[in-house]
Protein backbone atom coordinates (compact mmCIF):
# COMPACT_ATOMS: atom_id res chain seq x y z
CA UNK A 1 190.59 56.96 74.86
CA UNK A 2 191.54 60.17 76.68
CA UNK A 3 192.58 60.88 80.21
CA UNK A 4 189.29 59.67 81.65
CA UNK A 5 187.36 57.75 79.00
CA UNK A 6 183.85 56.36 79.25
CA UNK A 7 182.31 59.58 80.57
CA UNK A 8 184.21 59.58 83.87
CA UNK A 9 185.43 63.14 83.28
CA UNK A 10 181.90 64.38 82.56
CA UNK A 11 180.61 62.62 85.67
CA UNK A 12 183.36 64.14 87.84
CA UNK A 13 182.64 67.62 86.49
CA UNK A 14 178.93 67.25 87.25
CA UNK A 15 179.70 66.09 90.80
CA UNK A 16 182.27 68.88 91.30
CA UNK A 17 179.71 71.45 90.13
CA UNK A 18 177.57 70.49 93.11
CA UNK A 19 180.56 71.05 95.39
CA UNK A 20 181.25 67.39 96.12
CA UNK A 21 184.71 67.45 97.71
CA UNK A 22 185.77 64.03 96.44
CA UNK A 23 185.09 65.00 92.84
CA UNK A 24 186.85 68.34 93.26
CA UNK A 25 189.87 66.57 94.75
CA UNK A 26 189.95 63.98 91.95
CA UNK A 27 189.80 66.66 89.25
CA UNK A 28 192.55 68.57 91.02
CA UNK A 29 194.74 65.49 91.34
CA UNK A 30 194.25 64.54 87.70
CA UNK A 31 195.22 67.96 86.34
CA UNK A 32 197.54 69.59 88.88
CA UNK A 33 200.74 68.19 87.38
CA UNK A 34 199.92 69.22 83.81
CA UNK A 35 198.68 72.66 84.87
CA UNK A 36 201.74 73.17 87.05
CA UNK A 37 203.92 72.46 84.01
CA UNK A 38 201.94 75.02 82.00
CA UNK A 39 202.30 77.61 84.74
CA UNK A 40 206.04 76.91 85.11
CA UNK A 41 206.59 77.70 81.44
CA UNK A 42 205.53 81.28 82.18
CA UNK A 43 206.65 81.84 85.76
CA UNK A 44 210.06 80.63 86.98
CA UNK A 45 209.67 81.21 90.72
CA UNK A 46 208.15 78.18 92.49
CA UNK A 47 206.35 80.30 95.10
CA UNK A 48 204.79 82.48 92.41
CA UNK A 49 203.73 79.34 90.53
CA UNK A 50 201.98 78.06 93.66
CA UNK A 51 200.18 81.37 94.09
CA UNK A 52 199.05 81.50 90.46
CA UNK A 53 197.93 77.87 90.56
CA UNK A 54 195.93 78.45 93.72
CA UNK A 55 194.16 81.43 92.18
CA UNK A 56 193.67 79.50 88.94
CA UNK A 57 192.19 76.43 90.61
CA UNK A 58 189.83 78.56 92.70
CA UNK A 59 188.69 80.21 89.47
CA UNK A 60 188.34 76.82 87.75
CA UNK A 61 186.20 75.33 90.50
CA UNK A 62 184.13 78.47 90.91
CA UNK A 63 183.50 78.56 87.15
CA UNK A 64 182.70 74.91 86.47
CA UNK A 65 179.09 75.89 85.77
CA UNK A 66 180.40 77.91 82.79
CA UNK A 67 182.37 74.99 81.33
CA UNK A 68 180.85 73.60 78.14
CA UNK A 69 181.82 70.03 77.33
CA UNK A 70 182.88 69.93 73.70
CA UNK A 71 184.21 66.41 73.77
CA UNK A 72 187.42 64.72 74.70
CA UNK A 73 190.13 67.12 75.86
CA UNK A 74 187.85 70.12 76.22
CA UNK A 75 188.08 70.23 80.02
CA UNK A 76 191.86 70.10 79.93
CA UNK A 77 191.96 72.84 77.28
CA UNK A 78 189.53 75.00 79.27
CA UNK A 79 191.51 74.57 82.50
CA UNK A 80 194.78 75.31 80.66
CA UNK A 81 193.32 78.54 79.25
CA UNK A 82 192.39 79.67 82.76
CA UNK A 83 195.87 78.91 84.13
CA UNK A 84 197.55 80.68 81.19
CA UNK A 85 195.31 83.71 81.71
CA UNK A 86 196.15 83.79 85.41
CA UNK A 87 199.87 83.50 84.62
CA UNK A 88 199.58 86.38 82.15
CA UNK A 89 197.65 88.42 84.71
CA UNK A 90 200.47 87.79 87.19
CA UNK A 91 203.09 88.84 84.63
CA UNK A 92 201.15 92.00 83.78
CA UNK A 93 201.18 92.85 87.49
CA UNK A 94 204.93 92.22 87.57
CA UNK A 95 205.35 94.37 84.46
CA UNK A 96 203.54 97.25 86.17
CA UNK A 97 205.94 96.92 89.09
CA UNK A 98 208.83 97.08 86.63
CA UNK A 99 210.12 93.51 86.74
CA UNK A 100 209.04 92.29 83.27
CA UNK A 101 210.49 93.77 80.12
CA UNK A 102 209.26 93.48 76.54
CA UNK A 103 212.05 95.08 74.58
CA UNK A 104 210.98 96.71 71.33
CA UNK A 105 214.57 96.54 70.11
CA UNK A 106 216.28 93.65 71.91
CA UNK A 107 220.06 93.33 71.88
CA UNK A 108 221.67 91.41 69.05
CA UNK A 109 222.19 87.73 69.60
CA UNK A 110 224.69 86.14 67.32
CA UNK A 111 223.02 83.30 65.51
CA UNK A 112 225.02 80.25 64.60
CA UNK A 113 223.31 78.41 61.78
CA UNK A 114 226.18 76.05 61.05
CA UNK A 115 224.24 73.07 62.34
CA UNK A 116 221.24 72.27 60.15
CA UNK A 117 219.85 69.82 62.71
CA UNK A 118 218.41 71.79 65.61
CA UNK A 119 219.04 68.81 67.89
CA UNK A 120 215.75 69.39 69.68
CA UNK A 121 214.86 65.69 69.67
CA UNK A 122 218.22 64.80 71.22
CA UNK A 123 217.65 66.89 74.34
CA UNK A 124 215.51 65.53 77.19
CA UNK A 125 212.15 67.25 77.61
CA UNK A 126 212.93 68.38 81.16
CA UNK A 127 216.14 70.06 79.93
CA UNK A 128 214.22 71.88 77.17
CA UNK A 129 211.62 73.04 79.70
CA UNK A 130 214.39 74.28 82.02
CA UNK A 131 215.88 76.23 79.09
CA UNK A 132 212.50 77.77 78.33
CA UNK A 133 211.99 78.73 81.98
CA UNK A 134 215.42 80.42 81.98
CA UNK A 135 214.55 82.73 79.08
CA UNK A 136 214.09 86.39 79.96
CA UNK A 137 210.44 86.92 80.95
CA UNK A 138 209.39 88.80 77.83
CA UNK A 139 210.96 86.24 75.51
CA UNK A 140 209.55 83.34 77.54
CA UNK A 141 206.02 84.73 77.57
CA UNK A 142 205.90 85.36 73.82
CA UNK A 143 207.54 82.00 73.09
CA UNK A 144 205.01 80.12 75.24
CA UNK A 145 202.02 81.92 73.79
CA UNK A 146 203.18 81.37 70.21
CA UNK A 147 204.53 77.81 70.49
CA UNK A 148 202.39 76.17 73.17
CA UNK A 149 199.17 78.18 73.06
CA UNK A 150 199.21 78.57 69.26
CA UNK A 151 198.53 82.31 69.43
CA UNK A 152 199.24 84.65 66.51
CA UNK A 153 201.53 87.66 66.87
CA UNK A 154 198.44 89.85 66.63
CA UNK A 155 196.80 88.02 69.56
CA UNK A 156 200.02 88.10 71.57
CA UNK A 157 200.41 91.82 70.94
CA UNK A 158 196.88 92.45 72.17
CA UNK A 159 197.31 90.24 75.24
CA UNK A 160 200.61 91.79 76.28
CA UNK A 161 200.14 95.38 75.15
CA UNK A 162 203.06 95.24 72.71
CA UNK A 163 203.32 95.59 68.94
CA UNK A 164 203.17 92.64 66.56
CA UNK A 165 206.74 93.43 65.50
CA UNK A 166 207.90 93.28 69.11
CA UNK A 167 206.15 89.93 69.50
CA UNK A 168 207.83 88.56 66.37
CA UNK A 169 211.20 89.91 67.48
CA UNK A 170 210.84 88.44 70.97
CA UNK A 171 209.96 85.04 69.47
CA UNK A 172 212.91 85.19 67.08
CA UNK A 173 215.29 86.04 69.92
CA UNK A 174 213.86 83.32 72.18
CA UNK A 175 214.34 80.73 69.43
CA UNK A 176 217.90 81.94 68.85
CA UNK A 177 218.73 81.63 72.56
CA UNK A 178 217.18 78.17 72.76
CA UNK A 179 218.97 76.98 69.60
CA UNK A 180 222.30 78.15 71.06
CA UNK A 181 221.59 76.43 74.39
CA UNK A 182 220.60 73.22 72.62
CA UNK A 183 223.83 73.23 70.60
CA UNK A 184 225.83 73.82 73.80
CA UNK A 185 223.98 71.03 75.60
CA UNK A 186 224.64 68.64 72.72
CA UNK A 187 228.36 69.51 72.67
CA UNK A 188 228.64 69.01 76.44
CA UNK A 189 226.78 65.70 76.33
CA UNK A 190 228.39 64.05 73.30
CA UNK A 191 229.59 60.56 74.04
């Protein structure tokens, strides 16, 4: 059984479509934490996250009539897509103002492949998420789209206005940075 079960989600959506405040509030409360986490993967500044979430939730509630229920999890997936799109829109605006960089030829990062175990499972989730949020914006955006949103390099390139090779390179560099940080975390936290 999913987040709601027994048709509660469908019922809440129908009530929210009519503008019923209680249903809107309940949908918001059920999804705000998860959607905040999604938004935080793309945007590190808490104030910017709040702004993007506000815009995203307004769009969600104004577009509920366009939502098509495709079964369990479809509402969450639909809402997540809207928040990701709003985060990307925000980043594109930041890119135009010169604060986001997608390097076609990023600097070399020395890769240390001496440890076959990536140690990912030994690092708390919140630490991993903090590491992801600390990635340079271009790396973080490509990493999130590829890993969490399951987008191809072709789709990422189209979304971000970069080449597929740049997308692949950004992902490779992001993974290298994260692997290094995970190794460092494990060394610092050995018992």
